[in-house]
Amino acid sequence: MALNLDKNLKRYHSIKEVAEMFGLNESTLRYWEQEFPFLKPKTSGPAKIRQYQEKDIDQIRLIHNLVKVRGFKLAAAKKIINNNRDGADRRAEVLTRLLDIRNDLQALKKQMDYLG
């Protein structure tokens, strides 16, 4: 059996987990589902429990980047996504990578400060 190196082995995430990933309220995610028709997590059972897949999380990352990070209003974010989806996706991906790099550098600096 081959070793699976994929860190994210979970197929579905709860609304609570996704909200925590982005520092949002669960109600914000529900509202975004109403405002952005392409954001449709799978629902299961009679209680319609939301189950977010990676594609849904990518959509939320894009919306979060436009609305919370860059400060666009929802109407402007919708317009950007509708007019230039690929460009908005790329910018969100670049921003995510840069934030990860910044966090790694800050952790490295703390380690260096501790040693020195």
C-alpha atoms as a PDB file:
ATOM      1  CA  MET A   1       0.000   0.000   0.000  1.00  0.00           C
ATOM      2  CA  ALA A   2       1.398   3.397  -0.999  1.00  0.00           C
ATOM      3  CA  LEU A   3       1.754   6.180   1.522  1.00  0.00           C
ATOM      4  CA  ASN A   4      -0.663   9.013   0.866  1.00  0.00           C
ATOM      5  CA  LEU A   5       1.218  12.278   1.331  1.00  0.00           C
ATOM      6  CA  ASP A   6      -1.886  14.419   0.890  1.00  0.00           C
ATOM      7  CA  LYS A   7      -2.280  16.432   4.106  1.00  0.00           C
ATOM      8  CA  ASN A   8      -5.981  17.030   3.582  1.00  0.00           C
ATOM      9  CA  LEU A   9      -7.538  13.590   3.690  1.00  0.00           C
ATOM     10  CA  LYS A  10     -10.954  14.820   4.752  1.00  0.00           C
ATOM     11  CA  ARG A  11     -13.519  14.822   1.968  1.00  0.00           C
ATOM     12  CA  TYR A  12     -16.154  17.024   3.599  1.00  0.00           C
ATOM     13  CA  HIS A  13     -15.943  19.854   6.120  1.00  0.00           C
ATOM     14  CA  SER A  14     -18.699  21.175   8.373  1.00  0.00           C
ATOM     15  CA  ILE A  15     -19.834  24.779   8.245  1.00  0.00           C
ATOM     16  CA  LYS A  16     -18.198  25.309  11.646  1.00  0.00           C
ATOM     17  CA  GLU A  17     -14.822  24.053  10.382  1.00  0.00           C
ATOM     18  CA  VAL A  18     -14.970  26.225   7.264  1.00  0.00           C
ATOM     19  CA  ALA A  19     -16.012  29.297   9.254  1.00  0.00           C
ATOM     20  CA  GLU A  20     -13.026  28.766  11.576  1.00  0.00           C
ATOM     21  CA  MET A  21     -10.658  28.386   8.601  1.00  0.00           C
ATOM     22  CA  PHE A  22     -11.499  31.902   7.463  1.00  0.00           C
ATOM     23  CA  GLY A  23     -12.316  33.553  10.782  1.00  0.00           C
ATOM     24  CA  LEU A  24     -15.954  34.025   9.800  1.00  0.00           C
ATOM     25  CA  ASN A  25     -19.315  33.456  11.427  1.00  0.00           C
ATOM     26  CA  GLU A  26     -21.382  30.545  10.176  1.00  0.00           C
ATOM     27  CA  SER A  27     -24.143  33.042   9.359  1.00  0.00           C
ATOM     28  CA  THR A  28     -21.741  34.864   7.018  1.00  0.00           C
ATOM     29  CA  LEU A  29     -21.194  31.658   5.042  1.00  0.00           C
ATOM     30  CA  ARG A  30     -24.945  31.053   4.844  1.00  0.00           C
ATOM     31  CA  TYR A  31     -25.443  34.609   3.597  1.00  0.00           C
ATOM     32  CA  TRP A  32     -22.704  34.231   0.979  1.00  0.00           C
ATOM     33  CA  GLU A  33     -24.463  31.086  -0.263  1.00  0.00           C
ATOM     34  CA  GLN A  34     -27.527  33.225  -0.957  1.00  0.00           C
ATOM     35  CA  GLU A  35     -25.542  36.009  -2.616  1.00  0.00           C
ATOM     36  CA  PHE A  36     -23.224  33.859  -4.757  1.00  0.00           C
ATOM     37  CA  PRO A  37     -25.207  31.202  -6.650  1.00  0.00           C
ATOM     38  CA  PHE A  38     -22.077  29.202  -7.555  1.00  0.00           C
ATOM     39  CA  LEU A  39     -21.437  28.534  -3.848  1.00  0.00           C
ATOM     40  CA  LYS A  40     -23.563  25.455  -3.193  1.00  0.00           C
ATOM     41  CA  PRO A  41     -22.230  23.002  -0.613  1.00  0.00           C
ATOM     42  CA  LYS A  42     -23.676  19.520  -0.533  1.00  0.00           C
ATOM     43  CA  THR A  43     -26.467  19.043   1.984  1.00  0.00           C
ATOM     44  CA  SER A  44     -27.440  15.788   3.615  1.00  0.00           C
ATOM     45  CA  GLY A  45     -30.221  14.419   5.740  1.00  0.00           C
ATOM     46  CA  PRO A  46     -33.554  15.950   6.636  1.00  0.00           C
ATOM     47  CA  ALA A  47     -31.781  18.724   8.587  1.00  0.00           C
ATOM     48  CA  LYS A  48     -29.924  19.781   5.389  1.00  0.00           C
ATOM     49  CA  ILE A  49     -26.513  19.722   7.067  1.00  0.00           C
ATOM     50  CA  ARG A  50     -23.954  21.505   4.883  1.00  0.00           C
ATOM     51  CA  GLN A  51     -20.930  19.539   3.731  1.00  0.00           C
ATOM     52  CA  TYR A  52     -18.221  21.623   2.108  1.00  0.00           C
ATOM     53  CA  GLN A  53     -15.803  20.060  -0.362  1.00  0.00           C
ATOM     54  CA  GLU A  54     -12.456  21.508  -1.451  1.00  0.00           C
ATOM     55  CA  LYS A  55     -14.079  23.156  -4.491  1.00  0.00           C
ATOM     56  CA  ASP A  56     -16.500  24.954  -2.151  1.00  0.00           C
ATOM     57  CA  ILE A  57     -13.635  26.053   0.088  1.00  0.00           C
ATOM     58  CA  ASP A  58     -11.819  27.420  -2.970  1.00  0.00           C
ATOM     59  CA  GLN A  59     -14.933  29.461  -3.826  1.00  0.00           C
ATOM     60  CA  ILE A  60     -15.099  30.783  -0.262  1.00  0.00           C
ATOM     61  CA  ARG A  61     -11.386  31.631  -0.384  1.00  0.00           C
ATOM     62  CA  LEU A  62     -12.036  33.724  -3.500  1.00  0.00           C
ATOM     63  CA  ILE A  63     -15.005  35.553  -1.942  1.00  0.00           C
ATOM     64  CA  HIS A  64     -13.112  36.048   1.325  1.00  0.00           C
ATOM     65  CA  ASN A  65     -10.157  37.522  -0.550  1.00  0.00           C
ATOM     66  CA  LEU A  66     -12.345  40.015  -2.378  1.00  0.00           C
ATOM     67  CA  VAL A  67     -14.655  40.985   0.481  1.00  0.00           C
ATOM     68  CA  LYS A  68     -12.680  40.641   3.701  1.00  0.00           C
ATOM     69  CA  VAL A  69      -9.069  41.049   2.573  1.00  0.00           C
ATOM     70  CA  ARG A  70      -9.377  43.545  -0.271  1.00  0.00           C
ATOM     71  CA  GLY A  71     -12.456  45.331   1.108  1.00  0.00           C
ATOM     72  CA  PHE A  72     -14.850  45.103  -1.835  1.00  0.00           C
ATOM     73  CA  LYS A  73     -18.606  45.312  -1.290  1.00  0.00           C
ATOM     74  CA  LEU A  74     -20.564  42.173  -2.191  1.00  0.00           C
ATOM     75  CA  ALA A  75     -21.926  43.745  -5.380  1.00  0.00           C
ATOM     76  CA  ALA A  76     -18.417  44.640  -6.531  1.00  0.00           C
ATOM     77  CA  ALA A  77     -17.135  41.165  -5.658  1.00  0.00           C
ATOM     78  CA  LYS A  78     -19.940  39.602  -7.723  1.00  0.00           C
ATOM     79  CA  LYS A  79     -19.089  41.856 -10.652  1.00  0.00           C
ATOM     80  CA  ILE A  80     -15.376  41.012 -10.467  1.00  0.00           C
ATOM     81  CA  ILE A  81     -16.100  37.291 -10.315  1.00  0.00           C
ATOM     82  CA  ASN A  82     -18.583  37.437 -13.183  1.00  0.00           C
ATOM     83  CA  ASN A  83     -16.382  39.592 -15.433  1.00  0.00           C
ATOM     84  CA  ASN A  84     -12.965  38.105 -14.743  1.00  0.00           C
ATOM     85  CA  ARG A  85     -13.245  34.822 -12.895  1.00  0.00           C
ATOM     86  CA  ASP A  86      -9.813  33.493 -13.901  1.00  0.00           C
ATOM     87  CA  GLY A  87      -8.031  36.689 -12.906  1.00  0.00           C
ATOM     88  CA  ALA A  88      -9.807  36.813  -9.552  1.00  0.00           C
ATOM     89  CA  ASP A  89      -8.941  33.145  -8.928  1.00  0.00           C
ATOM     90  CA  ARG A  90      -5.268  33.753  -9.704  1.00  0.00           C
ATOM     91  CA  ARG A  91      -5.063  36.812  -7.479  1.00  0.00           C
ATOM     92  CA  ALA A  92      -6.675  34.917  -4.596  1.00  0.00           C
ATOM     93  CA  GLU A  93      -4.230  32.045  -5.075  1.00  0.00           C
ATOM     94  CA  VAL A  94      -1.233  34.388  -5.136  1.00  0.00           C
ATOM     95  CA  LEU A  95      -2.449  36.180  -2.023  1.00  0.00           C
ATOM     96  CA  THR A  96      -2.893  32.870  -0.201  1.00  0.00           C
ATOM     97  CA  ARG A  97       0.639  31.808  -1.127  1.00  0.00           C
ATOM     98  CA  LEU A  98       2.078  35.138  -0.023  1.00  0.00           C
ATOM     99  CA  LEU A  99       0.276  34.945   3.320  1.00  0.00           C
ATOM    100  CA  ASP A 100       1.614  31.416   3.835  1.00  0.00           C
ATOM    101  CA  ILE A 101       5.136  32.602   3.046  1.00  0.00           C
ATOM    102  CA  ARG A 102       4.767  35.529   5.443  1.00  0.00           C
ATOM    103  CA  ASN A 103       3.610  33.183   8.214  1.00  0.00           C
ATOM    104  CA  ASP A 104       6.546  30.858   7.548  1.00  0.00           C
ATOM    105  CA  LEU A 105       8.984  33.781   7.639  1.00  0.00           C
ATOM    106  CA  GLN A 106       7.506  35.085  10.883  1.00  0.00           C
ATOM    107  CA  ALA A 107       7.855  31.631  12.463  1.00  0.00           C
ATOM    108  CA  LEU A 108      11.451  31.447  11.240  1.00  0.00           C
ATOM    109  CA  LYS A 109      12.186  34.894  12.682  1.00  0.00           C
ATOM    110  CA  LYS A 110      10.811  33.815  16.062  1.00  0.00           C
ATOM    111  CA  GLN A 111      13.078  30.771  15.988  1.00  0.00           C
ATOM    112  CA  MET A 112      16.072  32.940  15.065  1.00  0.00           C
ATOM    113  CA  ASP A 113      15.243  35.434  17.844  1.00  0.00           C
ATOM    114  CA  TYR A 114      15.039  32.557  20.306  1.00  0.00           C
ATOM    115  CA  LEU A 115      18.455  31.246  19.264  1.00  0.00           C
ATOM    116  CA  GLY A 116      20.139  34.637  19.173  1.00  0.00           C
END
